């Protein structure tokens, strides 16, 4: 029986629609943590799917060792970051223009990814309670900034954003010391 990767690789439109419908709700829920408007999240999702479909037809999915949902979310996350970078630079963000990108290495196997996750968890334990709480709530519990602000008694969303940024920088420095980047 033909796998969904094989069907996508030969451009099977039914499989593309199935893949699109299967992951849309989860992706839109995932994108809430980035404070995107629903229209923006849908645009990013469509662009990420297009990258998957294009990579499938170009034979690039054969080398991807993680599952396709993980790959899709990684592409989507990177597209969201690129969107934020353009906004920060004051550039116009085009709707519907997809770019191929990944935040993680899609060629790593799940064991390598799991090792990185374990190293991140260990580094989090070395951080202060407040930083650890902010990062865990945002990245692991997938809570919005508003929810975290209320739960942890921050005065404003901007104060929380600054704290999260400092905590993330500290986490990256801890990981760099442990040779994980």
Protein backbone atom coordinates (compact mmCIF):
# COMPACT_ATOMS: atom_id res chain seq x y z
CA UNK A 1 0.00 0.00 0.00
CA UNK A 2 1.27 3.43 -0.93
CA UNK A 3 2.27 5.75 1.97
CA UNK A 4 1.07 9.33 2.29
CA UNK A 5 4.64 10.53 1.52
CA UNK A 6 4.61 8.58 -1.73
CA UNK A 7 1.20 9.96 -2.66
CA UNK A 8 2.35 13.50 -1.92
CA UNK A 9 5.53 12.89 -3.93
CA UNK A 10 3.54 12.06 -7.03
CA UNK A 11 1.30 15.12 -6.53
CA UNK A 12 -1.87 13.27 -5.50
CA UNK A 13 -4.38 16.09 -4.95
CA UNK A 14 -6.62 13.99 -2.72
CA UNK A 15 -3.68 13.31 -0.43
CA UNK A 16 -2.79 17.02 -0.43
CA UNK A 17 -6.34 17.97 0.59
CA UNK A 18 -6.37 15.21 3.22
CA UNK A 19 -3.00 16.37 4.62
CA UNK A 20 -4.19 20.01 4.63
CA UNK A 21 -7.44 19.20 6.44
CA UNK A 22 -5.82 16.76 8.86
CA UNK A 23 -3.36 19.27 10.37
CA UNK A 24 -5.13 22.62 10.01
CA UNK A 25 -6.89 22.74 13.38
CA UNK A 26 -3.78 21.68 15.30
CA UNK A 27 -1.63 24.21 13.46
CA UNK A 28 -4.08 27.06 14.10
CA UNK A 29 -4.10 26.14 17.80
CA UNK A 30 -0.27 26.00 17.77
CA UNK A 31 -0.07 29.43 16.09
CA UNK A 32 -2.08 31.09 18.89
CA UNK A 33 1.04 31.24 21.03
CA UNK A 34 2.56 33.64 18.49
CA UNK A 35 -0.28 36.16 18.77
CA UNK A 36 -1.14 36.00 15.08
CA UNK A 37 -4.49 37.07 13.75
CA UNK A 38 -6.48 34.11 12.44
CA UNK A 39 -6.07 35.30 8.83
CA UNK A 40 -2.28 35.47 9.27
CA UNK A 41 -2.18 32.01 10.83
CA UNK A 42 -4.17 30.58 7.91
CA UNK A 43 -1.83 32.25 5.41
CA UNK A 44 1.21 30.82 7.19
CA UNK A 45 -0.41 27.37 7.31
CA UNK A 46 -1.17 27.45 3.60
CA UNK A 47 2.38 28.55 2.81
CA UNK A 48 3.84 25.79 4.99
CA UNK A 49 1.66 23.19 3.25
CA UNK A 50 2.81 24.49 -0.12
CA UNK A 51 6.44 24.04 0.97
CA UNK A 52 5.65 20.44 1.99
CA UNK A 53 3.91 19.71 -1.32
CA UNK A 54 6.70 21.30 -3.34
CA UNK A 55 9.38 19.41 -1.39
CA UNK A 56 7.42 16.19 -1.89
CA UNK A 57 7.35 16.63 -5.65
CA UNK A 58 11.05 17.54 -5.70
CA UNK A 59 11.93 14.32 -3.86
CA UNK A 60 13.11 16.09 -0.71
CA UNK A 61 10.73 14.33 1.69
CA UNK A 62 12.61 11.07 1.29
CA UNK A 63 15.44 12.55 3.39
CA UNK A 64 13.19 13.94 6.14
CA UNK A 65 13.47 11.62 9.14
CA UNK A 66 10.79 13.15 11.38
CA UNK A 67 7.08 12.74 10.81
CA UNK A 68 5.42 15.13 8.36
CA UNK A 69 3.41 16.93 11.04
CA UNK A 70 6.62 17.83 12.90
CA UNK A 71 8.18 18.95 9.64
CA UNK A 72 5.09 21.04 8.78
CA UNK A 73 5.07 22.76 12.18
CA UNK A 74 8.81 23.48 11.93
CA UNK A 75 8.34 25.11 8.55
CA UNK A 76 5.33 27.04 9.83
CA UNK A 77 7.20 28.26 12.90
CA UNK A 78 10.05 29.52 10.76
CA UNK A 79 7.63 31.29 8.41
CA UNK A 80 6.07 32.98 11.45
CA UNK A 81 9.51 34.13 12.62
CA UNK A 82 10.28 35.50 9.17
CA UNK A 83 6.96 37.34 9.23
CA UNK A 84 7.86 38.91 12.60
CA UNK A 85 11.32 39.89 11.32
CA UNK A 86 9.76 41.68 8.35
CA UNK A 87 7.31 43.48 10.63
CA UNK A 88 10.13 44.52 12.97
CA UNK A 89 12.05 45.97 10.04
CA UNK A 90 8.95 47.83 8.92
CA UNK A 91 8.70 45.80 5.73
CA UNK A 92 5.36 44.98 4.18
CA UNK A 93 4.38 41.39 4.92
CA UNK A 94 2.92 39.78 1.82
CA UNK A 95 0.08 37.35 2.25
CA UNK A 96 0.46 34.03 0.50
CA UNK A 97 4.13 34.25 -0.51
CA UNK A 98 5.74 31.10 0.83
CA UNK A 99 9.43 30.52 1.42
CA UNK A 100 11.14 27.24 2.15
CA UNK A 101 12.63 27.21 5.60
CA UNK A 102 13.04 25.06 8.66
CA UNK A 103 13.87 25.93 12.25
CA UNK A 104 15.18 22.48 13.06
CA UNK A 105 17.18 20.03 11.06
CA UNK A 106 14.59 17.81 9.35
CA UNK A 107 17.28 15.25 8.57
CA UNK A 108 17.84 14.40 12.23
CA UNK A 109 16.25 11.24 13.44
CA UNK A 110 13.82 11.26 16.35
CA UNK A 111 16.52 10.06 18.80
CA UNK A 112 18.65 13.13 18.04
CA UNK A 113 15.63 15.40 18.44
CA UNK A 114 14.70 13.70 21.72
CA UNK A 115 18.27 14.19 23.01
CA UNK A 116 18.04 17.90 22.25
CA UNK A 117 14.71 18.13 24.04
CA UNK A 118 16.21 16.42 27.08
CA UNK A 119 19.15 18.87 27.08
CA UNK A 120 16.69 21.76 26.92
CA UNK A 121 14.74 20.36 29.87
CA UNK A 122 17.97 19.99 31.87
CA UNK A 123 19.01 23.55 31.06
CA UNK A 124 15.59 24.80 32.14
CA UNK A 125 16.13 23.20 35.54
CA UNK A 126 19.27 25.32 35.97
CA UNK A 127 17.34 28.54 35.42
CA UNK A 128 15.54 30.62 38.01
CA UNK A 129 11.98 29.71 38.96
CA UNK A 130 10.42 32.74 37.26
CA UNK A 131 12.24 32.26 33.94
CA UNK A 132 11.57 28.55 33.96
CA UNK A 133 7.89 29.24 34.62
CA UNK A 134 7.52 31.75 31.79
CA UNK A 135 9.26 29.52 29.23
CA UNK A 136 7.44 26.34 30.29
CA UNK A 137 4.04 28.03 30.19
CA UNK A 138 4.71 29.58 26.78
CA UNK A 139 6.52 26.78 24.96
CA UNK A 140 5.39 23.57 26.67
CA UNK A 141 1.92 24.44 27.91
CA UNK A 142 1.35 26.65 24.82
CA UNK A 143 -0.33 29.40 26.83
CA UNK A 144 -0.80 32.85 25.35
CA UNK A 145 1.06 35.86 26.71
CA UNK A 146 -2.23 37.16 28.13
CA UNK A 147 -2.80 33.93 30.07
CA UNK A 148 0.76 33.94 31.44
CA UNK A 149 0.51 37.62 32.33
CA UNK A 150 -2.57 36.93 34.47
CA UNK A 151 -1.26 33.70 36.01
CA UNK A 152 2.14 35.12 36.95
CA UNK A 153 0.92 38.62 37.90
CA UNK A 154 2.83 40.65 35.31
CA UNK A 155 1.85 44.30 35.03
CA UNK A 156 1.75 44.35 31.24
CA UNK A 157 2.21 42.24 28.16
CA UNK A 158 5.32 44.25 27.19
CA UNK A 159 6.98 43.54 30.54
CA UNK A 160 6.26 39.83 30.05
CA UNK A 161 7.61 39.91 26.47
CA UNK A 162 10.85 41.46 27.72
CA UNK A 163 11.13 38.88 30.49
CA UNK A 164 10.51 36.03 28.04
CA UNK A 165 13.15 37.42 25.72
CA UNK A 166 15.74 37.66 28.52
CA UNK A 167 14.88 34.14 29.70
CA UNK A 168 15.19 32.73 26.20
CA UNK A 169 18.58 34.42 25.82
CA UNK A 170 19.70 32.89 29.12
CA UNK A 171 18.49 29.45 27.99
CA UNK A 172 20.40 29.76 24.71
CA UNK A 173 23.55 30.69 26.60
CA UNK A 174 23.17 27.66 28.89
CA UNK A 175 22.68 25.42 25.88
CA UNK A 176 25.68 26.92 24.08
CA UNK A 177 27.83 26.06 27.09
CA UNK A 178 26.57 22.48 26.77
CA UNK A 179 27.30 22.58 23.01
CA UNK A 180 23.64 22.47 21.94
CA UNK A 181 22.67 25.13 19.45
